Amino acid sequence: LKLAADGIFSFSVKPLKFITWLGMGFIGLT
């Protein structure tokens, strides 16, 4: 699982963009 997580988070900015969009979604919901 650690190897899989390293593969996802080490080479991509997509999780960071997901967090940004999730925060904006919460603001819209508010």
Full PDB file with SEQRES, HELIX, SHEET, SSBOND, CRYST1, ORIGX, SCALE, CONECT and MASTER records, all heavy atoms in Angstrom:
SEQRES   1 A   30  LEU LYS LEU ALA ALA ASP GLY ILE PHE SER PHE SER VAL          
SEQRES   2 A   30  LYS PRO LEU LYS PHE ILE THR TRP LEU GLY MET GLY PHE          
SEQRES   3 A   30  ILE GLY LEU THR                                              
HELIX    1 AA1 LYS A    2  PHE A    9  1                                   8    
HELIX    2 AA2 LYS A   14  LEU A   29  1                                  16    
CRYST1    1.000    1.000    1.000  90.00  90.00  90.00 P 1           1          
ORIGX1      1.000000  0.000000  0.000000        0.00000                         
ORIGX2      0.000000  1.000000  0.000000        0.00000                         
ORIGX3      0.000000  0.000000  1.000000        0.00000                         
SCALE1      1.000000  0.000000  0.000000        0.00000                         
SCALE2      0.000000  1.000000  0.000000        0.00000                         
SCALE3      0.000000  0.000000  1.000000        0.00000                         
ATOM      1  N   LEU A   1       0.825  -1.202   0.000  1.00  0.00           N  
ATOM      2  CA  LEU A   1       0.000   0.000   0.000  1.00  0.00           C  
ATOM      3  C   LEU A   1       0.861   1.255   0.000  1.00  0.00           C  
ATOM      4  O   LEU A   1       0.498   2.256  -0.627  1.00  0.00           O  
ATOM      5  CB  LEU A   1      -0.931   0.001   1.212  1.00  0.00           C  
ATOM      6  CG  LEU A   1      -2.043  -1.045   1.188  1.00  0.00           C  
ATOM      7  CD1 LEU A   1      -2.811  -1.030   2.491  1.00  0.00           C  
ATOM      8  CD2 LEU A   1      -2.979  -0.797   0.029  1.00  0.00           C  
ATOM      9  N   LYS A   2       1.992   1.205   0.685  1.00  0.00           N  
ATOM     10  CA  LYS A   2       2.899   2.354   0.695  1.00  0.00           C  
ATOM     11  C   LYS A   2       3.445   2.614  -0.702  1.00  0.00           C  
ATOM     12  O   LYS A   2       3.547   3.759  -1.130  1.00  0.00           O  
ATOM     13  CB  LYS A   2       4.043   2.130   1.668  1.00  0.00           C  
ATOM     14  CG  LYS A   2       4.966   3.325   1.803  1.00  0.00           C  
ATOM     15  CD  LYS A   2       6.092   3.038   2.776  1.00  0.00           C  
ATOM     16  CE  LYS A   2       7.016   4.211   2.948  1.00  0.00           C  
ATOM     17  NZ  LYS A   2       7.467   4.863   1.774  1.00  0.00           N  
ATOM     18  N   LEU A   3       3.773   1.568  -1.415  1.00  0.00           N  
ATOM     19  CA  LEU A   3       4.261   1.712  -2.786  1.00  0.00           C  
ATOM     20  C   LEU A   3       3.183   2.307  -3.692  1.00  0.00           C  
ATOM     21  O   LEU A   3       3.461   3.177  -4.517  1.00  0.00           O  
ATOM     22  CB  LEU A   3       4.717   0.351  -3.327  1.00  0.00           C  
ATOM     23  CG  LEU A   3       5.268   0.345  -4.748  1.00  0.00           C  
ATOM     24  CD1 LEU A   3       6.551   1.152  -4.819  1.00  0.00           C  
ATOM     25  CD2 LEU A   3       5.518  -1.083  -5.194  1.00  0.00           C  
ATOM     26  N   ALA A   4       1.963   1.864  -3.504  1.00  0.00           N  
ATOM     27  CA  ALA A   4       0.858   2.413  -4.302  1.00  0.00           C  
ATOM     28  C   ALA A   4       0.631   3.889  -3.971  1.00  0.00           C  
ATOM     29  O   ALA A   4       0.418   4.706  -4.877  1.00  0.00           O  
ATOM     30  CB  ALA A   4      -0.412   1.611  -4.053  1.00  0.00           C  
ATOM     31  N   ALA A   5       0.691   4.245  -2.696  1.00  0.00           N  
ATOM     32  CA  ALA A   5       0.515   5.645  -2.303  1.00  0.00           C  
ATOM     33  C   ALA A   5       1.651   6.505  -2.839  1.00  0.00           C  
ATOM     34  O   ALA A   5       1.424   7.636  -3.295  1.00  0.00           O  
ATOM     35  CB  ALA A   5       0.439   5.752  -0.785  1.00  0.00           C  
ATOM     36  N   ASP A   6       2.879   5.993  -2.812  1.00  0.00           N  
ATOM     37  CA  ASP A   6       4.001   6.744  -3.373  1.00  0.00           C  
ATOM     38  C   ASP A   6       3.823   6.958  -4.867  1.00  0.00           C  
ATOM     39  O   ASP A   6       4.152   8.015  -5.398  1.00  0.00           O  
ATOM     40  CB  ASP A   6       5.329   6.008  -3.118  1.00  0.00           C  
ATOM     41  CG  ASP A   6       5.786   6.132  -1.675  1.00  0.00           C  
ATOM     42  OD1 ASP A   6       5.279   7.030  -0.973  1.00  0.00           O  
ATOM     43  OD2 ASP A   6       6.651   5.332  -1.263  1.00  0.00           O  
ATOM     44  N   GLY A   7       3.309   5.975  -5.553  1.00  0.00           N  
ATOM     45  CA  GLY A   7       3.072   6.104  -6.984  1.00  0.00           C  
ATOM     46  C   GLY A   7       2.018   7.143  -7.304  1.00  0.00           C  
ATOM     47  O   GLY A   7       2.087   7.826  -8.324  1.00  0.00           O  
ATOM     48  N   ILE A   8       1.028   7.284  -6.450  1.00  0.00           N  
ATOM     49  CA  ILE A   8      -0.044   8.249  -6.695  1.00  0.00           C  
ATOM     50  C   ILE A   8       0.396   9.660  -6.326  1.00  0.00           C  
ATOM     51  O   ILE A   8       0.208  10.612  -7.076  1.00  0.00           O  
ATOM     52  CB  ILE A   8      -1.316   7.865  -5.905  1.00  0.00           C  
ATOM     53  CG1 ILE A   8      -1.912   6.583  -6.464  1.00  0.00           C  
ATOM     54  CG2 ILE A   8      -2.334   8.998  -5.935  1.00  0.00           C  
ATOM     55  CD1 ILE A   8      -3.034   6.021  -5.629  1.00  0.00           C  
ATOM     56  N   PHE A   9       1.012   9.808  -5.162  1.00  0.00           N  
ATOM     57  CA  PHE A   9       1.285  11.142  -4.645  1.00  0.00           C  
ATOM     58  C   PHE A   9       2.630  11.716  -5.078  1.00  0.00           C  
ATOM     59  O   PHE A   9       2.834  12.922  -5.025  1.00  0.00           O  
ATOM     60  CB  PHE A   9       1.211  11.136  -3.122  1.00  0.00           C  
ATOM     61  CG  PHE A   9      -0.149  10.777  -2.598  1.00  0.00           C  
ATOM     62  CD1 PHE A   9      -0.327   9.693  -1.781  1.00  0.00           C  
ATOM     63  CD2 PHE A   9      -1.249  11.527  -2.955  1.00  0.00           C  
ATOM     64  CE1 PHE A   9      -1.576   9.363  -1.303  1.00  0.00           C  
ATOM     65  CE2 PHE A   9      -2.504  11.197  -2.494  1.00  0.00           C  
ATOM     66  CZ  PHE A   9      -2.669  10.114  -1.657  1.00  0.00           C  
ATOM     67  N   SER A  10       3.569  10.895  -5.513  1.00  0.00           N  
ATOM     68  CA  SER A  10       4.897  11.400  -5.826  1.00  0.00           C  
ATOM     69  C   SER A  10       4.994  12.023  -7.213  1.00  0.00           C  
ATOM     70  O   SER A  10       5.829  12.896  -7.434  1.00  0.00           O  
ATOM     71  CB  SER A  10       5.914  10.267  -5.734  1.00  0.00           C  
ATOM     72  OG  SER A  10       6.027   9.828  -4.404  1.00  0.00           O  
ATOM     73  N   PHE A  11       4.206  11.584  -8.134  1.00  0.00           N  
ATOM     74  CA  PHE A  11       4.368  12.016  -9.514  1.00  0.00           C  
ATOM     75  C   PHE A  11       3.193  12.817 -10.040  1.00  0.00           C  
ATOM     76  O   PHE A  11       3.091  13.023 -11.236  1.00  0.00           O  
ATOM     77  CB  PHE A  11       4.585  10.795 -10.413  1.00  0.00           C  
ATOM     78  CG  PHE A  11       5.767   9.969  -9.998  1.00  0.00           C  
ATOM     79  CD1 PHE A  11       5.591   8.738  -9.399  1.00  0.00           C  
ATOM     80  CD2 PHE A  11       7.052  10.447 -10.186  1.00  0.00           C  
ATOM     81  CE1 PHE A  11       6.684   7.974  -9.009  1.00  0.00           C  
ATOM     82  CE2 PHE A  11       8.139   9.692  -9.797  1.00  0.00           C  
ATOM     83  CZ  PHE A  11       7.959   8.459  -9.205  1.00  0.00           C  
ATOM     84  N   SER A  12       2.322  13.264  -9.162  1.00  0.00           N  
ATOM     85  CA  SER A  12       1.126  13.938  -9.638  1.00  0.00           C  
ATOM     86  C   SER A  12       0.751  15.096  -8.715  1.00  0.00           C  
ATOM     87  O   SER A  12       0.960  15.040  -7.512  1.00  0.00           O  
ATOM     88  CB  SER A  12      -0.036  12.950  -9.707  1.00  0.00           C  
ATOM     89  OG  SER A  12      -1.198  13.599 -10.131  1.00  0.00           O  
ATOM     90  N   VAL A  13       0.166  16.116  -9.314  1.00  0.00           N  
ATOM     91  CA  VAL A  13      -0.341  17.257  -8.559  1.00  0.00           C  
ATOM     92  C   VAL A  13      -1.868  17.133  -8.415  1.00  0.00           C  
ATOM     93  O   VAL A  13      -2.499  17.932  -7.749  1.00  0.00           O  
ATOM     94  CB  VAL A  13       0.038  18.570  -9.278  1.00  0.00           C  
ATOM     95  CG1 VAL A  13      -0.299  19.790  -8.461  1.00  0.00           C  
ATOM     96  CG2 VAL A  13       1.517  18.579  -9.603  1.00  0.00           C  
ATOM     97  N   LYS A  14      -2.430  16.094  -8.995  1.00  0.00           N  
ATOM     98  CA  LYS A  14      -3.885  15.928  -8.989  1.00  0.00           C  
ATOM     99  C   LYS A  14      -4.491  15.831  -7.585  1.00  0.00           C  
ATOM    100  O   LYS A  14      -5.557  16.403  -7.356  1.00  0.00           O  
ATOM    101  CB  LYS A  14      -4.284  14.731  -9.832  1.00  0.00           C  
ATOM    102  CG  LYS A  14      -4.057  14.970 -11.311  1.00  0.00           C  
ATOM    103  CD  LYS A  14      -4.749  13.929 -12.144  1.00  0.00           C  
ATOM    104  CE  LYS A  14      -4.348  14.057 -13.582  1.00  0.00           C  
ATOM    105  NZ  LYS A  14      -5.133  15.004 -14.311  1.00  0.00           N  
ATOM    106  N   PRO A  15      -3.853  15.147  -6.613  1.00  0.00           N  
ATOM    107  CA  PRO A  15      -4.442  15.164  -5.271  1.00  0.00           C  
ATOM    108  C   PRO A  15      -4.508  16.573  -4.672  1.00  0.00           C  
ATOM    109  O   PRO A  15      -5.464  16.903  -3.975  1.00  0.00           O  
ATOM    110  CB  PRO A  15      -3.512  14.271  -4.451  1.00  0.00           C  
ATOM    111  CG  PRO A  15      -2.896  13.362  -5.437  1.00  0.00           C  
ATOM    112  CD  PRO A  15      -2.750  14.178  -6.677  1.00  0.00           C  
ATOM    113  N   LEU A  16      -3.526  17.408  -4.970  1.00  0.00           N  
ATOM    114  CA  LEU A  16      -3.551  18.781  -4.474  1.00  0.00           C  
ATOM    115  C   LEU A  16      -4.663  19.579  -5.139  1.00  0.00           C  
ATOM    116  O   LEU A  16      -5.352  20.370  -4.486  1.00  0.00           O  
ATOM    117  CB  LEU A  16      -2.206  19.458  -4.736  1.00  0.00           C  
ATOM    118  CG  LEU A  16      -1.007  18.864  -4.004  1.00  0.00           C  
ATOM    119  CD1 LEU A  16       0.268  19.513  -4.479  1.00  0.00           C  
ATOM    120  CD2 LEU A  16      -1.171  19.026  -2.512  1.00  0.00           C  
ATOM    121  N   LYS A  17      -4.860  19.358  -6.427  1.00  0.00           N  
ATOM    122  CA  LYS A  17      -5.946  20.035  -7.121  1.00  0.00           C  
ATOM    123  C   LYS A  17      -7.297  19.545  -6.603  1.00  0.00           C  
ATOM    124  O   LYS A  17      -8.247  20.318  -6.492  1.00  0.00           O  
ATOM    125  CB  LYS A  17      -5.836  19.825  -8.626  1.00  0.00           C  
ATOM    126  CG  LYS A  17      -4.666  20.570  -9.210  1.00  0.00           C  
ATOM    127  CD  LYS A  17      -4.635  20.484 -10.713  1.00  0.00           C  
ATOM    128  CE  LYS A  17      -3.420  21.259 -11.188  1.00  0.00           C  
ATOM    129  NZ  LYS A  17      -3.406  21.506 -12.583  1.00  0.00           N  
ATOM    130  N   PHE A  18      -7.373  18.253  -6.271  1.00  0.00           N  
ATOM    131  CA  PHE A  18      -8.613  17.704  -5.713  1.00  0.00           C  
ATOM    132  C   PHE A  18      -8.931  18.381  -4.382  1.00  0.00           C  
ATOM    133  O   PHE A  18     -10.085  18.734  -4.117  1.00  0.00           O  
ATOM    134  CB  PHE A  18      -8.493  16.188  -5.531  1.00  0.00           C  
ATOM    135  CG  PHE A  18      -9.657  15.581  -4.819  1.00  0.00           C  
ATOM    136  CD1 PHE A  18     -10.885  15.465  -5.443  1.00  0.00           C  
ATOM    137  CD2 PHE A  18      -9.537  15.155  -3.506  1.00  0.00           C  
ATOM    138  CE1 PHE A  18     -11.973  14.916  -4.785  1.00  0.00           C  
ATOM    139  CE2 PHE A  18     -10.615  14.604  -2.839  1.00  0.00           C  
ATOM    140  CZ  PHE A  18     -11.837  14.485  -3.475  1.00  0.00           C  
ATOM    141  N   ILE A  19      -7.917  18.592  -3.547  1.00  0.00           N  
ATOM    142  CA  ILE A  19      -8.133  19.242  -2.254  1.00  0.00           C  
ATOM    143  C   ILE A  19      -8.606  20.680  -2.464  1.00  0.00           C  
ATOM    144  O   ILE A  19      -9.508  21.159  -1.768  1.00  0.00           O  
ATOM    145  CB  ILE A  19      -6.847  19.188  -1.407  1.00  0.00           C  
ATOM    146  CG1 ILE A  19      -6.608  17.764  -0.933  1.00  0.00           C  
ATOM    147  CG2 ILE A  19      -6.914  20.140  -0.226  1.00  0.00           C  
ATOM    148  CD1 ILE A  19      -5.302  17.557  -0.220  1.00  0.00           C  
ATOM    149  N   THR A  20      -8.012  21.366  -3.434  1.00  0.00           N  
ATOM    150  CA  THR A  20      -8.425  22.737  -3.724  1.00  0.00           C  
ATOM    151  C   THR A  20      -9.881  22.779  -4.172  1.00  0.00           C  
ATOM    152  O   THR A  20     -10.673  23.595  -3.690  1.00  0.00           O  
ATOM    153  CB  THR A  20      -7.525  23.346  -4.817  1.00  0.00           C  
ATOM    154  OG1 THR A  20      -6.163  23.258  -4.401  1.00  0.00           O  
ATOM    155  CG2 THR A  20      -7.878  24.793  -5.073  1.00  0.00           C  
ATOM    156  N   TRP A  21     -10.251  21.894  -5.095  1.00  0.00           N  
ATOM    157  CA  TRP A  21     -11.632  21.877  -5.586  1.00  0.00           C  
ATOM    158  C   TRP A  21     -12.613  21.425  -4.509  1.00  0.00           C  
ATOM    159  O   TRP A  21     -13.762  21.890  -4.471  1.00  0.00           O  
ATOM    160  CB  TRP A  21     -11.757  21.010  -6.832  1.00  0.00           C  
ATOM    161  CG  TRP A  21     -11.190  21.684  -8.032  1.00  0.00           C  
ATOM    162  CD1 TRP A  21     -10.028  21.379  -8.674  1.00  0.00           C  
ATOM    163  CD2 TRP A  21     -11.744  22.795  -8.729  1.00  0.00           C  
ATOM    164  NE1 TRP A  21      -9.828  22.235  -9.728  1.00  0.00           N  
ATOM    165  CE2 TRP A  21     -10.861  23.116  -9.777  1.00  0.00           C  
ATOM    166  CE3 TRP A  21     -12.895  23.555  -8.555  1.00  0.00           C  
ATOM    167  CZ2 TRP A  21     -11.105  24.168 -10.651  1.00  0.00           C  
ATOM    168  CZ3 TRP A  21     -13.125  24.601  -9.439  1.00  0.00           C  
ATOM    169  CH2 TRP A  21     -12.242  24.898 -10.466  1.00  0.00           C  
ATOM    170  N   LEU A  22     -12.177  20.523  -3.627  1.00  0.00           N  
ATOM    171  CA  LEU A  22     -13.037  20.101  -2.523  1.00  0.00           C  
ATOM    172  C   LEU A  22     -13.317  21.276  -1.592  1.00  0.00           C  
ATOM    173  O   LEU A  22     -14.452  21.477  -1.143  1.00  0.00           O  
ATOM    174  CB  LEU A  22     -12.379  18.945  -1.762  1.00  0.00           C  
ATOM    175  CG  LEU A  22     -13.165  18.341  -0.608  1.00  0.00           C  
ATOM    176  CD1 LEU A  22     -14.390  17.614  -1.146  1.00  0.00           C  
ATOM    177  CD2 LEU A  22     -12.294  17.393   0.185  1.00  0.00           C  
ATOM    178  N   GLY A  23     -12.278  22.056  -1.303  1.00  0.00           N  
ATOM    179  CA  GLY A  23     -12.462  23.244  -0.467  1.00  0.00           C  
ATOM    180  C   GLY A  23     -13.402  24.251  -1.114  1.00  0.00           C  
ATOM    181  O   GLY A  23     -14.257  24.832  -0.445  1.00  0.00           O  
ATOM    182  N   MET A  24     -13.250  24.446  -2.431  1.00  0.00           N  
ATOM    183  CA  MET A  24     -14.148  25.368  -3.126  1.00  0.00           C  
ATOM    184  C   MET A  24     -15.579  24.843  -3.140  1.00  0.00           C  
ATOM    185  O   MET A  24     -16.537  25.615  -3.071  1.00  0.00           O  
ATOM    186  CB  MET A  24     -13.652  25.616  -4.544  1.00  0.00           C  
ATOM    187  CG  MET A  24     -12.407  26.454  -4.608  1.00  0.00           C  
ATOM    188  SD  MET A  24     -11.942  26.730  -6.312  1.00  0.00           S  
ATOM    189  CE  MET A  24     -10.366  27.511  -6.089  1.00  0.00           C  
ATOM    190  N   GLY A  25     -15.719  23.526  -3.216  1.00  0.00           N  
ATOM    191  CA  GLY A  25     -17.055  22.930  -3.139  1.00  0.00           C  
ATOM    192  C   GLY A  25     -17.697  23.161  -1.781  1.00  0.00           C  
ATOM    193  O   GLY A  25     -18.896  23.455  -1.689  1.00  0.00           O  
ATOM    194  N   PHE A  26     -16.897  23.052  -0.716  1.00  0.00           N  
ATOM    195  CA  PHE A  26     -17.414  23.330   0.634  1.00  0.00           C  
ATOM    196  C   PHE A  26     -17.839  24.792   0.757  1.00  0.00           C  
ATOM    197  O   PHE A  26     -18.857  25.098   1.387  1.00  0.00           O  
ATOM    198  CB  PHE A  26     -16.367  23.007   1.691  1.00  0.00           C  
ATOM    199  CG  PHE A  26     -16.298  21.563   2.091  1.00  0.00           C  
ATOM    200  CD1 PHE A  26     -15.365  21.127   3.010  1.00  0.00           C  
ATOM    201  CD2 PHE A  26     -17.159  20.623   1.559  1.00  0.00           C  
ATOM    202  CE1 PHE A  26     -15.286  19.807   3.385  1.00  0.00           C  
ATOM    203  CE2 PHE A  26     -17.092  19.296   1.918  1.00  0.00           C  
ATOM    204  CZ  PHE A  26     -16.157  18.893   2.840  1.00  0.00           C  
ATOM    205  N   ILE A  27     -17.055  25.699   0.164  1.00  0.00           N  
ATOM    206  CA  ILE A  27     -17.416  27.112   0.215  1.00  0.00           C  
ATOM    207  C   ILE A  27     -18.719  27.346  -0.548  1.00  0.00           C  
ATOM    208  O   ILE A  27     -19.601  28.084  -0.087  1.00  0.00           O  
ATOM    209  CB  ILE A  27     -16.270  27.977  -0.348  1.00  0.00           C  
ATOM    210  CG1 ILE A  27     -15.066  27.909   0.590  1.00  0.00           C  
ATOM    211  CG2 ILE A  27     -16.719  29.423  -0.539  1.00  0.00           C  
ATOM    212  CD1 ILE A  27     -13.817  28.550   0.035  1.00  0.00           C  
ATOM    213  N   GLY A  28     -18.881  26.712  -1.705  1.00  0.00           N  
ATOM    214  CA  GLY A  28     -20.128  26.824  -2.456  1.00  0.00           C  
ATOM    215  C   GLY A  28     -21.310  26.245  -1.692  1.00  0.00           C  
ATOM    216  O   GLY A  28     -22.404  26.826  -1.683  1.00  0.00           O  
ATOM    217  N   LEU A  29     -21.091  25.114  -1.048  1.00  0.00           N  
ATOM    218  CA  LEU A  29     -22.144  24.504  -0.229  1.00  0.00           C  
ATOM    219  C   LEU A  29     -22.546  25.422   0.912  1.00  0.00           C  
ATOM    220  O   LEU A  29     -23.731  25.542   1.241  1.00  0.00           O  
ATOM    221  CB  LEU A  29     -21.655  23.152   0.302  1.00  0.00           C  
ATOM    222  CG  LEU A  29     -22.631  22.313   1.089  1.00  0.00           C  
ATOM    223  CD1 LEU A  29     -23.743  21.827   0.167  1.00  0.00           C  
ATOM    224  CD2 LEU A  29     -21.926  21.136   1.720  1.00  0.00           C  
ATOM    225  N   THR A  30     -21.561  26.095   1.497  1.00  0.00           N  
ATOM    226  CA  THR A  30     -21.851  27.041   2.570  1.00  0.00           C  
ATOM    227  C   THR A  30     -22.685  28.206   2.057  1.00  0.00           C  
ATOM    228  O   THR A  30     -23.623  28.650   2.727  1.00  0.00           O  
ATOM    229  CB  THR A  30     -20.537  27.568   3.176  1.00  0.00           C  
ATOM    230  OG1 THR A  30     -19.791  26.465   3.674  1.00  0.00           O  
ATOM    231  CG2 THR A  30     -20.798  28.541   4.291  1.00  0.00           C  
TER     232      THR A  30                                                      
MASTER        0    0    0    2    0    0    0    6  231    1    0    3          
END                                                                             
